Amino acid sequence: MRGSNETVIRVRGLEVGFGETLVLKGVDLDVWRGEILGFVGTSGGGKSVLMRTILGLLPKRAGTVEVCGIDLDSCSRTQHRRLEQRWGVLFQNGALFSSLTVKQNIQVPIREYLKLSQKLMDEIAFAKLEMVGLSVDAADKFPSELSGGMIKRAALARALALDPDILFLDEPTSGLDPIRATEFDELITTLQRTLGLTVFMVTHDLDSLHDSCDRIAALADGRIIADGPIETMLASEHPWLKAYFRGKRARAAGIV
């Protein structure tokens, strides 16, 4: 099993809501350095909400979030910007800018945080394309000219642009056929191993959870109900976990 006992992300008592609806009800979660953590939960139950709250994209009502030992509430803006350079994010649908080429999309975070020459930025973009398995020919294409799988890889290249320590993935295999999904899982595992990344993966893909993740955390009713390797999930008697990991779809995927 990859990973260490060093906590890279520490969430305690996190509460997040919209209007009168409380989505996260006191979530506690640790993410360890060098692991791939799969984060699962009920549909609309707050999986992506947690990730976006950690990233500072959604406000919280209570609780604390620490990344690399830094409390995001008490750190300075300068400290926060330095932290932002240490993580990369792949959103569910890629979230590429439609008016920019693939190369320009990859260079967005570079322009935001660094002052580099255009030549050096181009070299970085080409290197990241190669890293995710795309040819240099893709650099000058627009998102509308790419397949779904290519969009995912281009967005991953952008997430890796600043050589992050932590990679956040929101449903990375959604919309991909089984072959492309398997290839993407293998890519993530290879990148994690090669680059020493810590990966926080929000997913509902049973194959990804089984094949790629060192540990899984499950969210239901606004709280973490289980935390451990796939064997822990399979052994749980919690009704939702039983239905999810030991139901018909799980059997079809060969997990049980």
C-alpha atoms as a PDB file:
ATOM      1  CA  MET A   1       0.000   0.000   0.000  1.00  0.00           C
ATOM      2  CA  ARG A   2       1.315   3.425  -0.970  1.00  0.00           C
ATOM      3  CA  GLY A   3       1.245   6.402   1.324  1.00  0.00           C
ATOM      4  CA  SER A   4       2.610   7.303   4.719  1.00  0.00           C
ATOM      5  CA  ASN A   5       1.087   8.351   8.012  1.00  0.00           C
ATOM      6  CA  GLU A   6       1.981  11.978   7.301  1.00  0.00           C
ATOM      7  CA  THR A   7      -1.240  13.933   6.958  1.00  0.00           C
ATOM      8  CA  VAL A   8      -1.303  16.249   3.940  1.00  0.00           C
ATOM      9  CA  ILE A   9      -4.971  17.269   4.196  1.00  0.00           C
ATOM     10  CA  ARG A  10      -6.701  17.417   7.585  1.00  0.00           C
ATOM     11  CA  VAL A  11     -10.427  18.196   7.816  1.00  0.00           C
ATOM     12  CA  ARG A  12     -12.170  18.476  11.186  1.00  0.00           C
ATOM     13  CA  GLY A  13     -15.795  19.209  12.015  1.00  0.00           C
ATOM     14  CA  LEU A  14     -16.542  20.554   8.547  1.00  0.00           C
ATOM     15  CA  GLU A  15     -20.053  21.871   8.011  1.00  0.00           C
ATOM     16  CA  VAL A  16     -21.209  23.181   4.628  1.00  0.00           C
ATOM     17  CA  GLY A  17     -24.728  24.062   3.605  1.00  0.00           C
ATOM     18  CA  PHE A  18     -26.886  25.834   1.081  1.00  0.00           C
ATOM     19  CA  GLY A  19     -29.787  27.808   2.483  1.00  0.00           C
ATOM     20  CA  GLU A  20     -31.498  25.671   5.088  1.00  0.00           C
ATOM     21  CA  THR A  21     -29.929  22.448   3.792  1.00  0.00           C
ATOM     22  CA  LEU A  22     -26.825  21.213   5.589  1.00  0.00           C
ATOM     23  CA  VAL A  23     -24.841  19.030   3.181  1.00  0.00           C
ATOM     24  CA  LEU A  24     -21.754  18.243   5.266  1.00  0.00           C
ATOM     25  CA  LYS A  25     -22.506  17.692   8.952  1.00  0.00           C
ATOM     26  CA  GLY A  26     -19.230  17.635  10.819  1.00  0.00           C
ATOM     27  CA  VAL A  27     -16.908  15.798   8.427  1.00  0.00           C
ATOM     28  CA  ASP A  28     -13.543  14.549   9.742  1.00  0.00           C
ATOM     29  CA  LEU A  29     -11.053  13.300   7.165  1.00  0.00           C
ATOM     30  CA  ASP A  30      -7.300  12.799   6.775  1.00  0.00           C
ATOM     31  CA  VAL A  31      -5.490  12.368   3.464  1.00  0.00           C
ATOM     32  CA  TRP A  32      -2.011  10.855   3.749  1.00  0.00           C
ATOM     33  CA  ARG A  33       1.038  11.805   1.738  1.00  0.00           C
ATOM     34  CA  GLY A  34       1.650   9.606  -1.301  1.00  0.00           C
ATOM     35  CA  GLU A  35      -1.693   7.786  -1.325  1.00  0.00           C
ATOM     36  CA  ILE A  36      -4.572   7.671  -3.779  1.00  0.00           C
ATOM     37  CA  LEU A  37      -7.676   8.268  -1.691  1.00  0.00           C
ATOM     38  CA  GLY A  38     -10.997   7.422  -3.316  1.00  0.00           C
ATOM     39  CA  PHE A  39     -13.900   9.469  -1.973  1.00  0.00           C
ATOM     40  CA  VAL A  40     -17.362   7.993  -2.546  1.00  0.00           C
ATOM     41  CA  GLY A  41     -20.867   8.799  -1.438  1.00  0.00           C
ATOM     42  CA  THR A  42     -24.515   8.974  -2.276  1.00  0.00           C
ATOM     43  CA  SER A  43     -25.573  10.881  -5.389  1.00  0.00           C
ATOM     44  CA  GLY A  44     -25.797  14.562  -4.514  1.00  0.00           C
ATOM     45  CA  GLY A  45     -24.523  13.756  -1.036  1.00  0.00           C
ATOM     46  CA  GLY A  46     -21.648  16.216  -0.977  1.00  0.00           C
ATOM     47  CA  LYS A  47     -18.607  14.478  -2.506  1.00  0.00           C
ATOM     48  CA  SER A  48     -17.714  17.342  -4.811  1.00  0.00           C
ATOM     49  CA  VAL A  49     -18.829  19.857  -2.188  1.00  0.00           C
ATOM     50  CA  LEU A  50     -16.113  18.610   0.150  1.00  0.00           C
ATOM     51  CA  MET A  51     -13.450  18.861  -2.526  1.00  0.00           C
ATOM     52  CA  ARG A  52     -14.515  22.364  -3.540  1.00  0.00           C
ATOM     53  CA  THR A  53     -14.603  23.474   0.085  1.00  0.00           C
ATOM     54  CA  ILE A  54     -11.053  22.229   0.645  1.00  0.00           C
ATOM     55  CA  LEU A  55     -10.019  24.198  -2.424  1.00  0.00           C
ATOM     56  CA  GLY A  56     -11.696  27.327  -1.061  1.00  0.00           C
ATOM     57  CA  LEU A  57     -14.296  27.472  -3.822  1.00  0.00           C
ATOM     58  CA  LEU A  58     -17.210  27.085  -1.391  1.00  0.00           C
ATOM     59  CA  PRO A  59     -17.652  28.709   2.029  1.00  0.00           C
ATOM     60  CA  LYS A  60     -17.979  26.599   5.155  1.00  0.00           C
ATOM     61  CA  ARG A  61     -20.163  27.191   8.183  1.00  0.00           C
ATOM     62  CA  ALA A  62     -17.931  25.472  10.725  1.00  0.00           C
ATOM     63  CA  GLY A  63     -14.816  23.360  11.047  1.00  0.00           C
ATOM     64  CA  THR A  64     -11.205  23.574   9.949  1.00  0.00           C
ATOM     65  CA  VAL A  65      -9.234  22.614   6.859  1.00  0.00           C
ATOM     66  CA  GLU A  66      -5.459  22.237   6.936  1.00  0.00           C
ATOM     67  CA  VAL A  67      -3.327  21.566   3.866  1.00  0.00           C
ATOM     68  CA  CYS A  68       0.355  20.739   4.317  1.00  0.00           C
ATOM     69  CA  GLY A  69       0.033  21.792   7.960  1.00  0.00           C
ATOM     70  CA  ILE A  70      -1.375  25.228   7.150  1.00  0.00           C
ATOM     71  CA  ASP A  71      -4.804  26.267   8.431  1.00  0.00           C
ATOM     72  CA  LEU A  72      -6.587  27.815   5.459  1.00  0.00           C
ATOM     73  CA  ASP A  73      -8.573  30.163   7.705  1.00  0.00           C
ATOM     74  CA  SER A  74      -5.610  31.746   9.441  1.00  0.00           C
ATOM     75  CA  CYS A  75      -3.002  31.789   6.682  1.00  0.00           C
ATOM     76  CA  SER A  76      -2.108  34.934   4.790  1.00  0.00           C
ATOM     77  CA  ARG A  77      -3.040  35.518   1.168  1.00  0.00           C
ATOM     78  CA  THR A  78       0.611  34.960   0.223  1.00  0.00           C
ATOM     79  CA  GLN A  79       0.657  31.608   2.026  1.00  0.00           C
ATOM     80  CA  HIS A  80      -2.589  30.617   0.355  1.00  0.00           C
ATOM     81  CA  ARG A  81      -1.262  31.421  -3.103  1.00  0.00           C
ATOM     82  CA  ARG A  82       1.811  29.316  -2.385  1.00  0.00           C
ATOM     83  CA  LEU A  83      -0.457  26.446  -1.367  1.00  0.00           C
ATOM     84  CA  GLU A  84      -2.489  26.843  -4.539  1.00  0.00           C
ATOM     85  CA  GLN A  85       0.695  26.213  -6.505  1.00  0.00           C
ATOM     86  CA  ARG A  86       1.119  22.897  -4.691  1.00  0.00           C
ATOM     87  CA  TRP A  87      -2.170  21.417  -5.888  1.00  0.00           C
ATOM     88  CA  GLY A  88      -3.658  20.693  -9.290  1.00  0.00           C
ATOM     89  CA  VAL A  89      -7.331  20.149 -10.044  1.00  0.00           C
ATOM     90  CA  LEU A  90      -9.136  18.118 -12.688  1.00  0.00           C
ATOM     91  CA  PHE A  91     -12.818  19.036 -12.677  1.00  0.00           C
ATOM     92  CA  GLN A  92     -15.486  16.581 -13.786  1.00  0.00           C
ATOM     93  CA  ASN A  93     -15.978  17.791 -17.343  1.00  0.00           C
ATOM     94  CA  GLY A  94     -12.445  19.052 -17.814  1.00  0.00           C
ATOM     95  CA  ALA A  95     -13.482  22.731 -17.511  1.00  0.00           C
ATOM     96  CA  LEU A  96     -11.189  23.739 -20.351  1.00  0.00           C
ATOM     97  CA  PHE A  97     -11.610  27.275 -21.662  1.00  0.00           C
ATOM     98  CA  SER A  98     -13.351  26.843 -25.011  1.00  0.00           C
ATOM     99  CA  SER A  99     -11.765  29.943 -26.556  1.00  0.00           C
ATOM    100  CA  LEU A 100      -8.212  28.787 -25.776  1.00  0.00           C
ATOM    101  CA  THR A 101      -6.158  26.091 -27.442  1.00  0.00           C
ATOM    102  CA  VAL A 102      -4.963  23.092 -25.445  1.00  0.00           C
ATOM    103  CA  LYS A 103      -1.522  24.657 -25.117  1.00  0.00           C
ATOM    104  CA  GLN A 104      -3.001  27.929 -23.897  1.00  0.00           C
ATOM    105  CA  ASN A 105      -5.215  26.084 -21.407  1.00  0.00           C
ATOM    106  CA  ILE A 106      -2.198  24.318 -19.931  1.00  0.00           C
ATOM    107  CA  GLN A 107      -0.421  27.644 -19.626  1.00  0.00           C
ATOM    108  CA  VAL A 108      -3.235  29.356 -17.679  1.00  0.00           C
ATOM    109  CA  PRO A 109      -1.925  28.402 -14.196  1.00  0.00           C
ATOM    110  CA  ILE A 110       1.651  29.104 -15.302  1.00  0.00           C
ATOM    111  CA  ARG A 111       0.695  32.646 -16.310  1.00  0.00           C
ATOM    112  CA  GLU A 112      -1.254  33.068 -13.065  1.00  0.00           C
ATOM    113  CA  TYR A 113       1.558  32.159 -10.701  1.00  0.00           C
ATOM    114  CA  LEU A 114       4.884  32.398 -12.560  1.00  0.00           C
ATOM    115  CA  LYS A 115       6.730  34.829 -14.793  1.00  0.00           C
ATOM    116  CA  LEU A 116       8.247  32.769 -17.585  1.00  0.00           C
ATOM    117  CA  SER A 117       9.085  33.391 -21.212  1.00  0.00           C
ATOM    118  CA  GLN A 118       6.672  32.194 -23.867  1.00  0.00           C
ATOM    119  CA  LYS A 119       9.286  29.769 -25.149  1.00  0.00           C
ATOM    120  CA  LEU A 120       9.673  28.148 -21.742  1.00  0.00           C
ATOM    121  CA  MET A 121       5.891  27.996 -21.238  1.00  0.00           C
ATOM    122  CA  ASP A 122       5.549  26.276 -24.608  1.00  0.00           C
ATOM    123  CA  GLU A 123       8.189  23.723 -23.618  1.00  0.00           C
ATOM    124  CA  ILE A 124       6.370  23.034 -20.359  1.00  0.00           C
ATOM    125  CA  ALA A 125       3.053  22.601 -22.178  1.00  0.00           C
ATOM    126  CA  PHE A 126       4.568  20.125 -24.642  1.00  0.00           C
ATOM    127  CA  ALA A 127       6.174  18.187 -21.774  1.00  0.00           C
ATOM    128  CA  LYS A 128       2.861  17.949 -19.919  1.00  0.00           C
ATOM    129  CA  LEU A 129       1.070  16.777 -23.065  1.00  0.00           C
ATOM    130  CA  GLU A 130       3.601  13.987 -23.456  1.00  0.00           C
ATOM    131  CA  MET A 131       3.236  13.140 -19.762  1.00  0.00           C
ATOM    132  CA  VAL A 132      -0.512  12.491 -20.146  1.00  0.00           C
ATOM    133  CA  GLY A 133      -0.211  10.594 -23.414  1.00  0.00           C
ATOM    134  CA  LEU A 134      -1.228  13.283 -25.905  1.00  0.00           C
ATOM    135  CA  SER A 135       0.760  14.142 -29.018  1.00  0.00           C
ATOM    136  CA  VAL A 136       2.238  17.576 -29.629  1.00  0.00           C
ATOM    137  CA  ASP A 137      -0.294  17.913 -32.470  1.00  0.00           C
ATOM    138  CA  ALA A 138      -3.003  18.397 -29.831  1.00  0.00           C
ATOM    139  CA  ALA A 139      -1.386  21.592 -28.560  1.00  0.00           C
ATOM    140  CA  ASP A 140      -3.002  23.896 -31.113  1.00  0.00           C
ATOM    141  CA  LYS A 141      -6.425  22.259 -31.102  1.00  0.00           C
ATOM    142  CA  PHE A 142      -9.428  23.789 -29.380  1.00  0.00           C
ATOM    143  CA  PRO A 143     -11.490  21.779 -26.862  1.00  0.00           C
ATOM    144  CA  SER A 144     -14.305  21.440 -29.428  1.00  0.00           C
ATOM    145  CA  GLU A 145     -11.918  19.482 -31.658  1.00  0.00           C
ATOM    146  CA  LEU A 146     -11.083  16.914 -28.974  1.00  0.00           C
ATOM    147  CA  SER A 147     -12.723  13.636 -27.990  1.00  0.00           C
ATOM    148  CA  GLY A 148     -13.966  13.151 -24.444  1.00  0.00           C
ATOM    149  CA  GLY A 149     -10.883  11.178 -23.507  1.00  0.00           C
ATOM    150  CA  MET A 150      -8.568  13.807 -24.976  1.00  0.00           C
ATOM    151  CA  ILE A 151     -10.359  16.546 -23.029  1.00  0.00           C
ATOM    152  CA  LYS A 152      -9.738  14.622 -19.798  1.00  0.00           C
ATOM    153  CA  ARG A 153      -6.057  14.231 -20.618  1.00  0.00           C
ATOM    154  CA  ALA A 154      -5.661  17.869 -21.654  1.00  0.00           C
ATOM    155  CA  ALA A 155      -7.311  18.973 -18.415  1.00  0.00           C
ATOM    156  CA  LEU A 156      -5.003  16.638 -16.500  1.00  0.00           C
ATOM    157  CA  ALA A 157      -2.012  18.192 -18.262  1.00  0.00           C
ATOM    158  CA  ARG A 158      -3.214  21.606 -17.056  1.00  0.00           C
ATOM    159  CA  ALA A 159      -3.620  20.246 -13.510  1.00  0.00           C
ATOM    160  CA  LEU A 160       0.014  19.106 -13.636  1.00  0.00           C
ATOM    161  CA  ALA A 161       1.346  22.358 -15.110  1.00  0.00           C
ATOM    162  CA  LEU A 162       2.898  23.617 -11.859  1.00  0.00           C
ATOM    163  CA  ASP A 163       4.301  20.226 -10.771  1.00  0.00           C
ATOM    164  CA  PRO A 164       1.886  19.930  -7.828  1.00  0.00           C
ATOM    165  CA  ASP A 165       2.269  17.757  -4.737  1.00  0.00           C
ATOM    166  CA  ILE A 166      -1.483  17.111  -4.479  1.00  0.00           C
ATOM    167  CA  LEU A 167      -3.833  16.211  -7.315  1.00  0.00           C
ATOM    168  CA  PHE A 168      -7.599  16.638  -6.919  1.00  0.00           C
ATOM    169  CA  LEU A 169      -9.744  14.619  -9.340  1.00  0.00           C
ATOM    170  CA  ASP A 170     -13.511  15.079  -9.610  1.00  0.00           C
ATOM    171  CA  GLU A 171     -15.116  12.048 -11.301  1.00  0.00           C
ATOM    172  CA  PRO A 172     -12.127  11.590 -13.642  1.00  0.00           C
ATOM    173  CA  THR A 173     -13.574   8.626 -15.575  1.00  0.00           C
ATOM    174  CA  SER A 174     -17.149   9.897 -15.957  1.00  0.00           C
ATOM    175  CA  GLY A 175     -18.271   9.937 -19.581  1.00  0.00           C
ATOM    176  CA  LEU A 176     -15.513   7.562 -20.699  1.00  0.00           C
ATOM    177  CA  ASP A 177     -16.138   4.112 -22.116  1.00  0.00           C
ATOM    178  CA  PRO A 178     -14.734   1.193 -20.073  1.00  0.00           C
ATOM    179  CA  ILE A 179     -11.544   0.908 -22.142  1.00  0.00           C
ATOM    180  CA  ARG A 180     -10.747   4.621 -21.942  1.00  0.00           C
ATOM    181  CA  ALA A 181     -11.649   4.648 -18.236  1.00  0.00           C
ATOM    182  CA  THR A 182      -9.226   1.802 -17.551  1.00  0.00           C
ATOM    183  CA  GLU A 183      -6.493   3.584 -19.496  1.00  0.00           C
ATOM    184  CA  PHE A 184      -7.111   6.746 -17.496  1.00  0.00           C
ATOM    185  CA  ASP A 185      -6.958   4.852 -14.196  1.00  0.00           C
ATOM    186  CA  GLU A 186      -3.638   3.346 -15.270  1.00  0.00           C
ATOM    187  CA  LEU A 187      -2.356   6.812 -16.221  1.00  0.00           C
ATOM    188  CA  ILE A 188      -3.244   8.226 -12.801  1.00  0.00           C
ATOM    189  CA  THR A 189      -1.574   5.303 -11.036  1.00  0.00           C
ATOM    190  CA  THR A 190       1.569   5.685 -13.151  1.00  0.00           C
ATOM    191  CA  LEU A 191       1.737   9.436 -12.553  1.00  0.00           C
ATOM    192  CA  GLN A 192       1.213   8.981  -8.821  1.00  0.00           C
ATOM    193  CA  ARG A 193       4.008   6.458  -8.628  1.00  0.00           C
ATOM    194  CA  THR A 194       6.390   8.390 -10.899  1.00  0.00           C
ATOM    195  CA  LEU A 195       5.814  11.859  -9.442  1.00  0.00           C
ATOM    196  CA  GLY A 196       5.092  10.906  -5.842  1.00  0.00           C
ATOM    197  CA  LEU A 197       1.707  12.612  -5.926  1.00  0.00           C
ATOM    198  CA  THR A 198      -0.950  12.573  -3.252  1.00  0.00           C
ATOM    199  CA  VAL A 199      -4.271  12.020  -5.047  1.00  0.00           C
ATOM    200  CA  PHE A 200      -7.733  12.924  -3.743  1.00  0.00           C
ATOM    201  CA  MET A 201     -10.179  11.277  -6.141  1.00  0.00           C
ATOM    202  CA  VAL A 202     -13.921  11.891  -5.988  1.00  0.00           C
ATOM    203  CA  THR A 203     -15.452   8.998  -7.918  1.00  0.00           C
ATOM    204  CA  HIS A 204     -18.340   6.573  -8.210  1.00  0.00           C
ATOM    205  CA  ASP A 205     -16.397   4.244 -10.517  1.00  0.00           C
ATOM    206  CA  LEU A 206     -16.131   0.841  -8.819  1.00  0.00           C
ATOM    207  CA  ASP A 207     -13.244  -0.233 -11.044  1.00  0.00           C
ATOM    208  CA  SER A 208     -11.273   2.907 -10.142  1.00  0.00           C
ATOM    209  CA  LEU A 209     -11.909   2.306  -6.453  1.00  0.00           C
ATOM    210  CA  HIS A 210     -10.794  -1.305  -6.700  1.00  0.00           C
ATOM    211  CA  ASP A 211      -7.812  -0.940  -9.022  1.00  0.00           C
ATOM    212  CA  SER A 212      -6.339   2.478  -8.252  1.00  0.00           C
ATOM    213  CA  CYS A 213      -7.142   3.509  -4.700  1.00  0.00           C
ATOM    214  CA  ASP A 214      -5.037   2.697  -1.651  1.00  0.00           C
ATOM    215  CA  ARG A 215      -7.806   3.790   0.685  1.00  0.00           C
ATOM    216  CA  ILE A 216     -11.463   4.765   0.396  1.00  0.00           C
ATOM    217  CA  ALA A 217     -13.554   7.168   2.476  1.00  0.00           C
ATOM    218  CA  ALA A 218     -17.340   6.918   2.184  1.00  0.00           C
ATOM    219  CA  LEU A 219     -19.772   9.765   2.805  1.00  0.00           C
ATOM    220  CA  ALA A 220     -23.447   9.309   3.684  1.00  0.00           C
ATOM    221  CA  ASP A 221     -25.921  11.514   5.516  1.00  0.00           C
ATOM    222  CA  GLY A 222     -23.330  14.283   5.576  1.00  0.00           C
ATOM    223  CA  ARG A 223     -20.711  12.295   7.513  1.00  0.00           C
ATOM    224  CA  ILE A 224     -17.870   9.845   6.901  1.00  0.00           C
ATOM    225  CA  ILE A 225     -19.324   6.395   7.566  1.00  0.00           C
ATOM    226  CA  ALA A 226     -16.297   4.261   6.663  1.00  0.00           C
ATOM    227  CA  ASP A 227     -12.608   4.690   5.957  1.00  0.00           C
ATOM    228  CA  GLY A 228     -10.134   2.047   4.819  1.00  0.00           C
ATOM    229  CA  PRO A 229      -9.010  -0.175   1.931  1.00  0.00           C
ATOM    230  CA  ILE A 230     -11.451  -1.864  -0.429  1.00  0.00           C
ATOM    231  CA  GLU A 231     -11.611  -4.869   1.919  1.00  0.00           C
ATOM    232  CA  THR A 232     -13.056  -2.635   4.645  1.00  0.00           C
ATOM    233  CA  MET A 233     -15.783  -1.453   2.295  1.00  0.00           C
ATOM    234  CA  LEU A 234     -16.623  -5.007   1.242  1.00  0.00           C
ATOM    235  CA  ALA A 235     -16.859  -6.178   4.842  1.00  0.00           C
ATOM    236  CA  SER A 236     -19.063  -3.319   6.060  1.00  0.00           C
ATOM    237  CA  GLU A 237     -22.644  -4.053   7.059  1.00  0.00           C
ATOM    238  CA  HIS A 238     -23.761  -0.446   6.587  1.00  0.00           C
ATOM    239  CA  PRO A 239     -26.830  -0.638   4.265  1.00  0.00           C
ATOM    240  CA  TRP A 240     -25.540   1.888   1.734  1.00  0.00           C
ATOM    241  CA  LEU A 241     -22.056   0.373   1.585  1.00  0.00           C
ATOM    242  CA  LYS A 242     -23.521  -3.115   1.162  1.00  0.00           C
ATOM    243  CA  ALA A 243     -25.702  -1.923  -1.713  1.00  0.00           C
ATOM    244  CA  TYR A 244     -22.840  -0.029  -3.325  1.00  0.00           C
ATOM    245  CA  PHE A 245     -19.951  -2.450  -2.977  1.00  0.00           C
ATOM    246  CA  ARG A 246     -21.805  -5.771  -2.905  1.00  0.00           C
ATOM    247  CA  GLY A 247     -24.775  -5.099  -5.194  1.00  0.00           C
ATOM    248  CA  LYS A 248     -25.424  -6.275  -8.748  1.00  0.00           C
ATOM    249  CA  ARG A 249     -23.199  -3.652 -10.389  1.00  0.00           C
ATOM    250  CA  ALA A 250     -20.339  -4.548  -8.081  1.00  0.00           C
ATOM    251  CA  ARG A 251     -20.712  -8.209  -9.033  1.00  0.00           C
ATOM    252  CA  ALA A 252     -20.836  -7.287 -12.721  1.00  0.00           C
ATOM    253  CA  ALA A 253     -17.562  -5.414 -12.270  1.00  0.00           C
ATOM    254  CA  GLY A 254     -15.998  -8.472 -10.634  1.00  0.00           C
ATOM    255  CA  ILE A 255     -15.421  -6.741  -7.307  1.00  0.00           C
ATOM    256  CA  VAL A 256     -17.306  -9.339  -5.270  1.00  0.00           C
END
